[in-house]
PDB file of N, CA and C in Angstrom:
ATOM      1  N   MET A   1       0.323  40.442   3.028  1.00  0.00           N
ATOM      2  CA  MET A   1       0.759  39.086   2.744  1.00  0.00           C
ATOM      3  C   MET A   1       1.737  38.653   3.833  1.00  0.00           C
ATOM      4  N   ALA A   2       1.475  37.499   4.423  1.00  0.00           N
ATOM      5  CA  ALA A   2       2.332  37.000   5.500  1.00  0.00           C
ATOM      6  C   ALA A   2       3.608  36.406   4.942  1.00  0.00           C
ATOM      7  N   LYS A   3       4.699  36.647   5.664  1.00  0.00           N
ATOM      8  CA  LYS A   3       5.979  36.074   5.256  1.00  0.00           C
ATOM      9  C   LYS A   3       6.099  34.665   5.819  1.00  0.00           C
ATOM     10  N   PRO A   4       6.722  33.730   5.065  1.00  0.00           N
ATOM     11  CA  PRO A   4       6.927  32.389   5.602  1.00  0.00           C
ATOM     12  C   PRO A   4       7.886  32.419   6.790  1.00  0.00           C
ATOM     13  N   VAL A   5       7.639  31.588   7.748  1.00  0.00           N
ATOM     14  CA  VAL A   5       8.467  31.518   8.948  1.00  0.00           C
ATOM     15  C   VAL A   5       9.617  30.569   8.693  1.00  0.00           C
ATOM     16  N   LYS A   6      10.840  31.038   8.947  1.00  0.00           N
ATOM     17  CA  LYS A   6      12.015  30.194   8.794  1.00  0.00           C
ATOM     18  C   LYS A   6      12.262  29.470  10.105  1.00  0.00           C
ATOM     19  N   THR A   7      12.546  28.181   9.986  1.00  0.00           N
ATOM     20  CA  THR A   7      12.873  27.413  11.181  1.00  0.00           C
ATOM     21  C   THR A   7      14.152  26.642  10.932  1.00  0.00           C
ATOM     22  N   ASN A   8      14.858  26.386  11.981  1.00  0.00           N
ATOM     23  CA  ASN A   8      16.018  25.512  11.921  1.00  0.00           C
ATOM     24  C   ASN A   8      16.144  24.826  13.273  1.00  0.00           C
ATOM     25  N   ALA A   9      17.076  23.912  13.381  1.00  0.00           N
ATOM     26  CA  ALA A   9      17.215  23.116  14.600  1.00  0.00           C
ATOM     27  C   ALA A   9      17.476  23.992  15.821  1.00  0.00           C
ATOM     28  N   SER A  10      18.319  25.010  15.684  1.00  0.00           N
ATOM     29  CA  SER A  10      18.654  25.833  16.848  1.00  0.00           C
ATOM     30  C   SER A  10      17.450  26.654  17.305  1.00  0.00           C
ATOM     31  N   SER A  11      16.627  27.161  16.384  1.00  0.00           N
ATOM     32  CA  SER A  11      15.458  27.933  16.797  1.00  0.00           C
ATOM     33  C   SER A  11      14.408  27.028  17.435  1.00  0.00           C
ATOM     34  N   SER A  12      14.301  25.775  16.978  1.00  0.00           N
ATOM     35  CA  SER A  12      13.362  24.827  17.584  1.00  0.00           C
ATOM     36  C   SER A  12      13.748  24.539  19.015  1.00  0.00           C
ATOM     37  N   LYS A  13      15.041  24.354  19.263  1.00  0.00           N
ATOM     38  CA  LYS A  13      15.514  24.090  20.623  1.00  0.00           C
ATOM     39  C   LYS A  13      15.300  25.311  21.504  1.00  0.00           C
ATOM     40  N   ALA A  14      15.536  26.504  20.953  1.00  0.00           N
ATOM     41  CA  ALA A  14      15.368  27.726  21.728  1.00  0.00           C
ATOM     42  C   ALA A  14      13.915  27.908  22.150  1.00  0.00           C
ATOM     43  N   LEU A  15      12.982  27.449  21.322  1.00  0.00           N
ATOM     44  CA  LEU A  15      11.564  27.577  21.651  1.00  0.00           C
ATOM     45  C   LEU A  15      11.064  26.428  22.527  1.00  0.00           C
ATOM     46  N   GLY A  16      11.906  25.444  22.771  1.00  0.00           N
ATOM     47  CA  GLY A  16      11.510  24.302  23.584  1.00  0.00           C
ATOM     48  C   GLY A  16      10.675  23.290  22.823  1.00  0.00           C
ATOM     49  N   ILE A  17      10.774  23.300  21.510  1.00  0.00           N
ATOM     50  CA  ILE A  17      10.008  22.358  20.685  1.00  0.00           C
ATOM     51  C   ILE A  17      10.841  21.100  20.487  1.00  0.00           C
ATOM     52  N   ASN A  18      10.265  19.970  20.813  1.00  0.00           N
ATOM     53  CA  ASN A  18      10.935  18.689  20.631  1.00  0.00           C
ATOM     54  C   ASN A  18       9.933  17.731  19.973  1.00  0.00           C
ATOM     55  N   PRO A  19       9.843  17.752  18.641  1.00  0.00           N
ATOM     56  CA  PRO A  19       8.819  16.937  17.979  1.00  0.00           C
ATOM     57  C   PRO A  19       9.061  15.438  18.178  1.00  0.00           C
ATOM     58  N   GLN A  20       7.981  14.722  18.413  1.00  0.00           N
ATOM     59  CA  GLN A  20       8.025  13.273  18.521  1.00  0.00           C
ATOM     60  C   GLN A  20       7.602  12.710  17.161  1.00  0.00           C
ATOM     61  N   ILE A  21       8.479  11.951  16.545  1.00  0.00           N
ATOM     62  CA  ILE A  21       8.207  11.422  15.217  1.00  0.00           C
ATOM     63  C   ILE A  21       7.845   9.957  15.317  1.00  0.00           C
ATOM     64  N   LYS A  22       6.735   9.595  14.677  1.00  0.00           N
ATOM     65  CA  LYS A  22       6.274   8.208  14.674  1.00  0.00           C
ATOM     66  C   LYS A  22       5.814   7.867  13.258  1.00  0.00           C
ATOM     67  N   ILE A  23       6.372   6.814  12.692  1.00  0.00           N
ATOM     68  CA  ILE A  23       5.944   6.374  11.369  1.00  0.00           C
ATOM     69  C   ILE A  23       4.641   5.611  11.538  1.00  0.00           C
ATOM     70  N   GLN A  24       3.611   6.052  10.825  1.00  0.00           N
ATOM     71  CA  GLN A  24       2.299   5.435  10.959  1.00  0.00           C
ATOM     72  C   GLN A  24       1.842   4.745   9.682  1.00  0.00           C
ATOM     73  N   ASN A  25       2.383   5.136   8.549  1.00  0.00           N
ATOM     74  CA  ASN A  25       1.917   4.578   7.287  1.00  0.00           C
ATOM     75  C   ASN A  25       3.041   4.618   6.261  1.00  0.00           C
ATOM     76  N   ILE A  26       3.340   3.456   5.699  1.00  0.00           N
ATOM     77  CA  ILE A  26       4.316   3.361   4.623  1.00  0.00           C
ATOM     78  C   ILE A  26       3.554   2.996   3.357  1.00  0.00           C
ATOM     79  N   VAL A  27       3.853   3.676   2.266  1.00  0.00           N
ATOM     80  CA  VAL A  27       3.226   3.373   0.980  1.00  0.00           C
ATOM     81  C   VAL A  27       4.289   2.812   0.051  1.00  0.00           C
ATOM     82  N   VAL A  28       3.997   1.652  -0.538  1.00  0.00           N
ATOM     83  CA  VAL A  28       4.946   0.964  -1.409  1.00  0.00           C
ATOM     84  C   VAL A  28       4.281   0.707  -2.749  1.00  0.00           C
ATOM     85  N   SER A  29       5.004   0.940  -3.812  1.00  0.00           N
ATOM     86  CA  SER A  29       4.511   0.553  -5.143  1.00  0.00           C
ATOM     87  C   SER A  29       5.403  -0.560  -5.664  1.00  0.00           C
ATOM     88  N   ALA A  30       4.806  -1.463  -6.434  1.00  0.00           N
ATOM     89  CA  ALA A  30       5.552  -2.605  -6.964  1.00  0.00           C
ATOM     90  C   ALA A  30       4.945  -3.020  -8.300  1.00  0.00           C
ATOM     91  N   ASP A  31       5.691  -3.817  -9.029  1.00  0.00           N
ATOM     92  CA  ASP A  31       5.231  -4.355 -10.305  1.00  0.00           C
ATOM     93  C   ASP A  31       5.503  -5.851 -10.306  1.00  0.00           C
ATOM     94  N   LEU A  32       4.460  -6.653 -10.482  1.00  0.00           N
ATOM     95  CA  LEU A  32       4.592  -8.104 -10.500  1.00  0.00           C
ATOM     96  C   LEU A  32       5.037  -8.623 -11.868  1.00  0.00           C
ATOM     97  N   HIS A  33       5.067  -7.760 -12.863  1.00  0.00           N
ATOM     98  CA  HIS A  33       5.457  -8.123 -14.235  1.00  0.00           C
ATOM     99  C   HIS A  33       4.613  -9.280 -14.758  1.00  0.00           C
ATOM    100  N   ALA A  34       3.315  -9.199 -14.502  1.00  0.00           N
ATOM    101  CA  ALA A  34       2.380 -10.210 -14.979  1.00  0.00           C
ATOM    102  C   ALA A  34       0.993  -9.582 -15.041  1.00  0.00           C
ATOM    103  N   ASN A  35       0.161 -10.086 -15.933  1.00  0.00           N
ATOM    104  CA  ASN A  35      -1.225  -9.641 -15.992  1.00  0.00           C
ATOM    105  C   ASN A  35      -2.055 -10.512 -15.065  1.00  0.00           C
ATOM    106  N   ILE A  36      -3.000  -9.878 -14.370  1.00  0.00           N
ATOM    107  CA  ILE A  36      -3.779 -10.558 -13.340  1.00  0.00           C
ATOM    108  C   ILE A  36      -5.257 -10.576 -13.733  1.00  0.00           C
ATOM    109  N   ASP A  37      -5.911 -11.712 -13.533  1.00  0.00           N
ATOM    110  CA  ASP A  37      -7.353 -11.841 -13.749  1.00  0.00           C
ATOM    111  C   ASP A  37      -8.060 -11.368 -12.481  1.00  0.00           C
ATOM    112  N   LEU A  38      -8.392 -10.089 -12.446  1.00  0.00           N
ATOM    113  CA  LEU A  38      -8.978  -9.501 -11.249  1.00  0.00           C
ATOM    114  C   LEU A  38     -10.398  -9.999 -10.990  1.00  0.00           C
ATOM    115  N   PHE A  39     -11.141 -10.336 -12.057  1.00  0.00           N
ATOM    116  CA  PHE A  39     -12.491 -10.861 -11.876  1.00  0.00           C
ATOM    117  C   PHE A  39     -12.462 -12.179 -11.097  1.00  0.00           C
ATOM    118  N   SER A  40     -11.635 -13.123 -11.543  1.00  0.00           N
ATOM    119  CA  SER A  40     -11.534 -14.420 -10.860  1.00  0.00           C
ATOM    120  C   SER A  40     -10.978 -14.264  -9.454  1.00  0.00           C
ATOM    121  N   LEU A  41     -10.001 -13.405  -9.312  1.00  0.00           N
ATOM    122  CA  LEU A  41      -9.409 -13.165  -7.998  1.00  0.00           C
ATOM    123  C   LEU A  41     -10.472 -12.689  -7.022  1.00  0.00           C
ATOM    124  N   SER A  42     -11.297 -11.738  -7.443  1.00  0.00           N
ATOM    125  CA  SER A  42     -12.319 -11.195  -6.535  1.00  0.00           C
ATOM    126  C   SER A  42     -13.442 -12.195  -6.272  1.00  0.00           C
ATOM    127  N   LYS A  43     -13.726 -13.065  -7.227  1.00  0.00           N
ATOM    128  CA  LYS A  43     -14.759 -14.089  -7.015  1.00  0.00           C
ATOM    129  C   LYS A  43     -14.326 -15.140  -6.005  1.00  0.00           C
ATOM    130  N   ASN A  44     -13.050 -15.502  -6.033  1.00  0.00           N
ATOM    131  CA  ASN A  44     -12.555 -16.619  -5.236  1.00  0.00           C
ATOM    132  C   ASN A  44     -11.876 -16.239  -3.927  1.00  0.00           C
ATOM    133  N   VAL A  45     -11.523 -14.993  -3.763  1.00  0.00           N
ATOM    134  CA  VAL A  45     -10.836 -14.555  -2.549  1.00  0.00           C
ATOM    135  C   VAL A  45     -11.715 -13.500  -1.874  1.00  0.00           C
ATOM    136  N   LYS A  46     -12.268 -13.857  -0.716  1.00  0.00           N
ATOM    137  CA  LYS A  46     -13.242 -12.967  -0.067  1.00  0.00           C
ATOM    138  C   LYS A  46     -12.649 -11.630   0.383  1.00  0.00           C
ATOM    139  N   GLU A  47     -11.325 -11.571   0.566  1.00  0.00           N
ATOM    140  CA  GLU A  47     -10.675 -10.336   1.010  1.00  0.00           C
ATOM    141  C   GLU A  47     -10.464  -9.332  -0.136  1.00  0.00           C
ATOM    142  N   VAL A  48     -10.854  -9.726  -1.366  1.00  0.00           N
ATOM    143  CA  VAL A  48     -10.631  -8.865  -2.534  1.00  0.00           C
ATOM    144  C   VAL A  48     -11.961  -8.307  -3.025  1.00  0.00           C
ATOM    145  N   ASP A  49     -12.021  -6.979  -3.158  1.00  0.00           N
ATOM    146  CA  ASP A  49     -13.182  -6.296  -3.729  1.00  0.00           C
ATOM    147  C   ASP A  49     -12.781  -5.711  -5.070  1.00  0.00           C
ATOM    148  N   TYR A  50     -13.618  -5.933  -6.077  1.00  0.00           N
ATOM    149  CA  TYR A  50     -13.314  -5.409  -7.411  1.00  0.00           C
ATOM    150  C   TYR A  50     -14.592  -4.909  -8.045  1.00  0.00           C
ATOM    151  N   GLU A  51     -14.676  -3.619  -8.260  1.00  0.00           N
ATOM    152  CA  GLU A  51     -15.802  -2.961  -8.913  1.00  0.00           C
ATOM    153  C   GLU A  51     -15.253  -2.116 -10.057  1.00  0.00           C
ATOM    154  N   PRO A  52     -14.985  -2.739 -11.232  1.00  0.00           N
ATOM    155  CA  PRO A  52     -14.323  -2.015 -12.320  1.00  0.00           C
ATOM    156  C   PRO A  52     -15.105  -0.806 -12.844  1.00  0.00           C
ATOM    157  N   GLU A  53     -16.417  -0.777 -12.598  1.00  0.00           N
ATOM    158  CA  GLU A  53     -17.211   0.387 -13.025  1.00  0.00           C
ATOM    159  C   GLU A  53     -16.889   1.609 -12.180  1.00  0.00           C
ATOM    160  N   GLN A  54     -16.441   1.360 -10.952  1.00  0.00           N
ATOM    161  CA  GLN A  54     -16.145   2.455 -10.030  1.00  0.00           C
ATOM    162  C   GLN A  54     -14.662   2.804  -9.971  1.00  0.00           C
ATOM    163  N   PHE A  55     -13.807   1.760 -10.061  1.00  0.00           N
ATOM    164  CA  PHE A  55     -12.360   1.954  -9.926  1.00  0.00           C
ATOM    165  C   PHE A  55     -11.655   0.803 -10.630  1.00  0.00           C
ATOM    166  N   PRO A  56     -10.595   1.072 -11.387  1.00  0.00           N
ATOM    167  CA  PRO A  56      -9.948   0.014 -12.180  1.00  0.00           C
ATOM    168  C   PRO A  56      -9.095  -0.979 -11.395  1.00  0.00           C
ATOM    169  N   GLY A  57      -8.909  -0.749 -10.109  1.00  0.00           N
ATOM    170  CA  GLY A  57      -8.073  -1.647  -9.309  1.00  0.00           C
ATOM    171  C   GLY A  57      -8.889  -2.480  -8.345  1.00  0.00           C
ATOM    172  N   ALA A  58      -8.364  -3.654  -8.008  1.00  0.00           N
ATOM    173  CA  ALA A  58      -8.969  -4.505  -6.986  1.00  0.00           C
ATOM    174  C   ALA A  58      -8.367  -4.141  -5.642  1.00  0.00           C
ATOM    175  N   ILE A  59      -9.182  -4.158  -4.605  1.00  0.00           N
ATOM    176  CA  ILE A  59      -8.724  -3.812  -3.270  1.00  0.00           C
ATOM    177  C   ILE A  59      -8.616  -5.101  -2.458  1.00  0.00           C
ATOM    178  N   PHE A  60      -7.393  -5.410  -2.050  1.00  0.00           N
ATOM    179  CA  PHE A  60      -7.083  -6.639  -1.323  1.00  0.00           C
ATOM    180  C   PHE A  60      -6.748  -6.237   0.105  1.00  0.00           C
ATOM    181  N   ARG A  61      -7.615  -6.582   1.049  1.00  0.00           N
ATOM    182  CA  ARG A  61      -7.417  -6.212   2.454  1.00  0.00           C
ATOM    183  C   ARG A  61      -6.774  -7.385   3.200  1.00  0.00           C
ATOM    184  N   ILE A  62      -5.586  -7.149   3.703  1.00  0.00           N
ATOM    185  CA  ILE A  62      -4.851  -8.149   4.466  1.00  0.00           C
ATOM    186  C   ILE A  62      -5.102  -7.857   5.944  1.00  0.00           C
ATOM    187  N   LYS A  63      -5.513  -8.886   6.690  1.00  0.00           N
ATOM    188  CA  LYS A  63      -5.855  -8.665   8.102  1.00  0.00           C
ATOM    189  C   LYS A  63      -4.648  -8.662   9.030  1.00  0.00           C
ATOM    190  N   GLU A  64      -3.695  -9.555   8.784  1.00  0.00           N
ATOM    191  CA  GLU A  64      -2.550  -9.660   9.702  1.00  0.00           C
ATOM    192  C   GLU A  64      -1.272  -9.949   8.937  1.00  0.00           C
ATOM    193  N   PRO A  65      -0.287  -9.091   8.965  1.00  0.00           N
ATOM    194  CA  PRO A  65      -0.332  -7.743   9.516  1.00  0.00           C
ATOM    195  C   PRO A  65      -1.237  -6.857   8.666  1.00  0.00           C
ATOM    196  N   LYS A  66      -1.886  -5.924   9.281  1.00  0.00           N
ATOM    197  CA  LYS A  66      -2.896  -5.107   8.624  1.00  0.00           C
ATOM    198  C   LYS A  66      -2.291  -4.248   7.514  1.00  0.00           C
ATOM    199  N   ALA A  67      -2.897  -4.357   6.328  1.00  0.00           N
ATOM    200  CA  ALA A  67      -2.475  -3.549   5.175  1.00  0.00           C
ATOM    201  C   ALA A  67      -3.532  -3.671   4.083  1.00  0.00           C
ATOM    202  N   VAL A  68      -3.455  -2.785   3.122  1.00  0.00           N
ATOM    203  CA  VAL A  68      -4.344  -2.817   1.966  1.00  0.00           C
ATOM    204  C   VAL A  68      -3.486  -2.763   0.711  1.00  0.00           C
ATOM    205  N   ILE A  69      -3.822  -3.628  -0.259  1.00  0.00           N
ATOM    206  CA  ILE A  69      -3.130  -3.629  -1.546  1.00  0.00           C
ATOM    207  C   ILE A  69      -4.136  -3.249  -2.617  1.00  0.00           C
ATOM    208  N   ILE A  70      -3.790  -2.274  -3.419  1.00  0.00           N
ATOM    209  CA  ILE A  70      -4.577  -1.947  -4.599  1.00  0.00           C
ATOM    210  C   ILE A  70      -3.847  -2.576  -5.770  1.00  0.00           C
ATOM    211  N   LEU A  71      -4.518  -3.497  -6.435  1.00  0.00           N
ATOM    212  CA  LEU A  71      -3.906  -4.300  -7.486  1.00  0.00           C
ATOM    213  C   LEU A  71      -4.566  -3.999  -8.826  1.00  0.00           C
ATOM    214  N   PHE A  72      -3.749  -3.753  -9.839  1.00  0.00           N
ATOM    215  CA  PHE A  72      -4.254  -3.476 -11.177  1.00  0.00           C
ATOM    216  C   PHE A  72      -4.009  -4.672 -12.086  1.00  0.00           C
ATOM    217  N   LYS A  73      -4.813  -4.783 -13.157  1.00  0.00           N
ATOM    218  CA  LYS A  73      -4.725  -5.971 -14.016  1.00  0.00           C
ATOM    219  C   LYS A  73      -3.373  -6.108 -14.704  1.00  0.00           C
ATOM    220  N   ASN A  74      -2.613  -5.032 -14.836  1.00  0.00           N
ATOM    221  CA  ASN A  74      -1.286  -5.113 -15.460  1.00  0.00           C
ATOM    222  C   ASN A  74      -0.203  -5.562 -14.474  1.00  0.00           C
ATOM    223  N   GLY A  75      -0.603  -5.902 -13.241  1.00  0.00           N
ATOM    224  CA  GLY A  75       0.334  -6.413 -12.249  1.00  0.00           C
ATOM    225  C   GLY A  75       0.960  -5.363 -11.357  1.00  0.00           C
ATOM    226  N   LYS A  76       0.637  -4.117 -11.595  1.00  0.00           N
ATOM    227  CA  LYS A  76       1.166  -3.068 -10.720  1.00  0.00           C
ATOM    228  C   LYS A  76       0.293  -2.992  -9.483  1.00  0.00           C
ATOM    229  N   LEU A  77       0.930  -2.643  -8.367  1.00  0.00           N
ATOM    230  CA  LEU A  77       0.187  -2.572  -7.121  1.00  0.00           C
ATOM    231  C   LEU A  77       0.721  -1.477  -6.230  1.00  0.00           C
ATOM    232  N   ILE A  78      -0.126  -1.093  -5.298  1.00  0.00           N
ATOM    233  CA  ILE A  78       0.229  -0.139  -4.264  1.00  0.00           C
ATOM    234  C   ILE A  78      -0.175  -0.773  -2.942  1.00  0.00           C
ATOM    235  N   CYS A  79       0.740  -0.788  -2.005  1.00  0.00           N
ATOM    236  CA  CYS A  79       0.479  -1.359  -0.685  1.00  0.00           C
ATOM    237  C   CYS A  79       0.581  -0.238   0.343  1.00  0.00           C
ATOM    238  N   THR A  80      -0.412  -0.135   1.198  1.00  0.00           N
ATOM    239  CA  THR A  80      -0.433   0.926   2.197  1.00  0.00           C
ATOM    240  C   THR A  80      -1.020   0.410   3.508  1.00  0.00           C
ATOM    241  N   GLY A  81      -0.786   1.142   4.563  1.00  0.00           N
ATOM    242  CA  GLY A  81      -1.400   0.823   5.835  1.00  0.00           C
ATOM    243  C   GLY A  81      -0.475   0.179   6.842  1.00  0.00           C
ATOM    244  N   SER A  82       0.718  -0.187   6.459  1.00  0.00           N
ATOM    245  CA  SER A  82       1.658  -0.807   7.391  1.00  0.00           C
ATOM    246  C   SER A  82       2.609   0.260   7.919  1.00  0.00           C
ATOM    247  N   ASN A  83       3.201  -0.025   9.089  1.00  0.00           N
ATOM    248  CA  ASN A  83       4.118   0.967   9.657  1.00  0.00           C
ATOM    249  C   ASN A  83       5.555   0.472   9.764  1.00  0.00           C
ATOM    250  N   THR A  84       5.833  -0.736   9.234  1.00  0.00           N
ATOM    251  CA  THR A  84       7.217  -1.216   9.222  1.00  0.00           C
ATOM    252  C   THR A  84       7.515  -1.891   7.889  1.00  0.00           C
ATOM    253  N   THR A  85       8.753  -1.842   7.484  1.00  0.00           N
ATOM    254  CA  THR A  85       9.136  -2.505   6.235  1.00  0.00           C
ATOM    255  C   THR A  85       9.064  -4.020   6.389  1.00  0.00           C
ATOM    256  N   ALA A  86       9.284  -4.525   7.590  1.00  0.00           N
ATOM    257  CA  ALA A  86       9.178  -5.972   7.818  1.00  0.00           C
ATOM    258  C   ALA A  86       7.746  -6.443   7.568  1.00  0.00           C
ATOM    259  N   ASN A  87       6.769  -5.686   8.046  1.00  0.00           N
ATOM    260  CA  ASN A  87       5.368  -6.050   7.807  1.00  0.00           C
ATOM    261  C   ASN A  87       5.001  -5.943   6.336  1.00  0.00           C
ATOM    262  N   ILE A  88       5.548  -4.954   5.649  1.00  0.00           N
ATOM    263  CA  ILE A  88       5.297  -4.816   4.205  1.00  0.00           C
ATOM    264  C   ILE A  88       5.776  -6.069   3.482  1.00  0.00           C
ATOM    265  N   ARG A  89       6.953  -6.541   3.815  1.00  0.00           N
ATOM    266  CA  ARG A  89       7.485  -7.757   3.176  1.00  0.00           C
ATOM    267  C   ARG A  89       6.580  -8.963   3.420  1.00  0.00           C
ATOM    268  N   ILE A  90       6.121  -9.112   4.643  1.00  0.00           N
ATOM    269  CA  ILE A  90       5.229 -10.226   4.979  1.00  0.00           C
ATOM    270  C   ILE A  90       3.936 -10.131   4.178  1.00  0.00           C
ATOM    271  N   VAL A  91       3.351  -8.941   4.135  1.00  0.00           N
ATOM    272  CA  VAL A  91       2.106  -8.723   3.395  1.00  0.00           C
ATOM    273  C   VAL A  91       2.282  -9.048   1.921  1.00  0.00           C
ATOM    274  N   LEU A  92       3.349  -8.538   1.312  1.00  0.00           N
ATOM    275  CA  LEU A  92       3.563  -8.768  -0.114  1.00  0.00           C
ATOM    276  C   LEU A  92       3.855 -10.231  -0.425  1.00  0.00           C
ATOM    277  N   GLU A  93       4.564 -10.925   0.457  1.00  0.00           N
ATOM    278  CA  GLU A  93       4.821 -12.353   0.238  1.00  0.00           C
ATOM    279  C   GLU A  93       3.526 -13.154   0.307  1.00  0.00           C
ATOM    280  N   ARG A  94       2.694 -12.869   1.294  1.00  0.00           N
ATOM    281  CA  ARG A  94       1.410 -13.568   1.426  1.00  0.00           C
ATOM    282  C   ARG A  94       0.495 -13.270   0.247  1.00  0.00           C
ATOM    283  N   ALA A  95       0.444 -12.012  -0.154  1.00  0.00           N
ATOM    284  CA  ALA A  95      -0.412 -11.627  -1.281  1.00  0.00           C
ATOM    285  C   ALA A  95       0.081 -12.259  -2.580  1.00  0.00           C
ATOM    286  N   ALA A  96       1.385 -12.313  -2.778  1.00  0.00           N
ATOM    287  CA  ALA A  96       1.944 -12.893  -4.011  1.00  0.00           C
ATOM    288  C   ALA A  96       1.552 -14.357  -4.153  1.00  0.00           C
ATOM    289  N   LYS A  97       1.506 -15.096  -3.037  1.00  0.00           N
ATOM    290  CA  LYS A  97       1.094 -16.501  -3.090  1.00  0.00           C
ATOM    291  C   LYS A  97      -0.345 -16.634  -3.582  1.00  0.00           C
ATOM    292  N   VAL A  98      -1.213 -15.754  -3.116  1.00  0.00           N
ATOM    293  CA  VAL A  98      -2.618 -15.782  -3.532  1.00  0.00           C
ATOM    294  C   VAL A  98      -2.755 -15.312  -4.976  1.00  0.00           C
ATOM    295  N   ILE A  99      -2.132 -14.190  -5.295  1.00  0.00           N
ATOM    296  CA  ILE A  99      -2.272 -13.575  -6.617  1.00  0.00           C
ATOM    297  C   ILE A  99      -1.670 -14.441  -7.712  1.00  0.00           C
ATOM    298  N   SER A 100      -0.616 -15.189  -7.404  1.00  0.00           N
ATOM    299  CA  SER A 100       0.069 -15.993  -8.429  1.00  0.00           C
ATOM    300  C   SER A 100      -0.855 -17.015  -9.089  1.00  0.00           C
ATOM    301  N   LYS A 101      -1.924 -17.404  -8.431  1.00  0.00           N
ATOM    302  CA  LYS A 101      -2.886 -18.357  -8.986  1.00  0.00           C
ATOM    303  C   LYS A 101      -3.768 -17.724 -10.056  1.00  0.00           C
ATOM    304  N   TYR A 102      -3.721 -16.415 -10.182  1.00  0.00           N
ATOM    305  CA  TYR A 102      -4.607 -15.688 -11.102  1.00  0.00           C
ATOM    306  C   TYR A 102      -3.842 -14.937 -12.184  1.00  0.00           C
ATOM    307  N   VAL A 103      -2.639 -15.378 -12.472  1.00  0.00           N
ATOM    308  CA  VAL A 103      -1.834 -14.770 -13.538  1.00  0.00           C
ATOM    309  C   VAL A 103      -2.401 -15.223 -14.876  1.00  0.00           C
ATOM    310  N   ILE A 104      -2.521 -14.287 -15.804  1.00  0.00           N
ATOM    311  CA  ILE A 104      -3.061 -14.565 -17.131  1.00  0.00           C
ATOM    312  C   ILE A 104      -1.881 -14.744 -18.095  1.00  0.00           C
ATOM    313  N   ASP A 105      -1.880 -15.864 -18.814  1.00  0.00           N
ATOM    314  CA  ASP A 105      -0.873 -16.097 -19.857  1.00  0.00           C
ATOM    315  C   ASP A 105      -1.324 -15.383 -21.121  1.00  0.00           C
ATOM    316  N   LEU A 106      -0.465 -14.571 -21.674  1.00  0.00           N
ATOM    317  CA  LEU A 106      -0.823 -13.850 -22.915  1.00  0.00           C
ATOM    318  C   LEU A 106      -0.125 -14.459 -24.104  1.00  0.00           C
TER     319      LEU A 106
END
């Protein structure tokens, strides 16, 4: 059985390892605190795909800045594909304007 290798900053420097770190994908979860009509949303917004037989969430693809939102009928969502928090804010603001038209009053 192999033993785990211990590493620390001083051993990394001694080996000449200098990792380059780049953020490539940020994942954000949010709750809109509203129920969403995913059927109507997917019918009227071409960027939204909804196949409830395959997956319970609608997939909303934002082109600029590039990101994907998975939206559930209870208003919870997951946003992924962006590499900055500024772009995440822009994506969520744009999506909220579109999604707000499909809120279901209970």
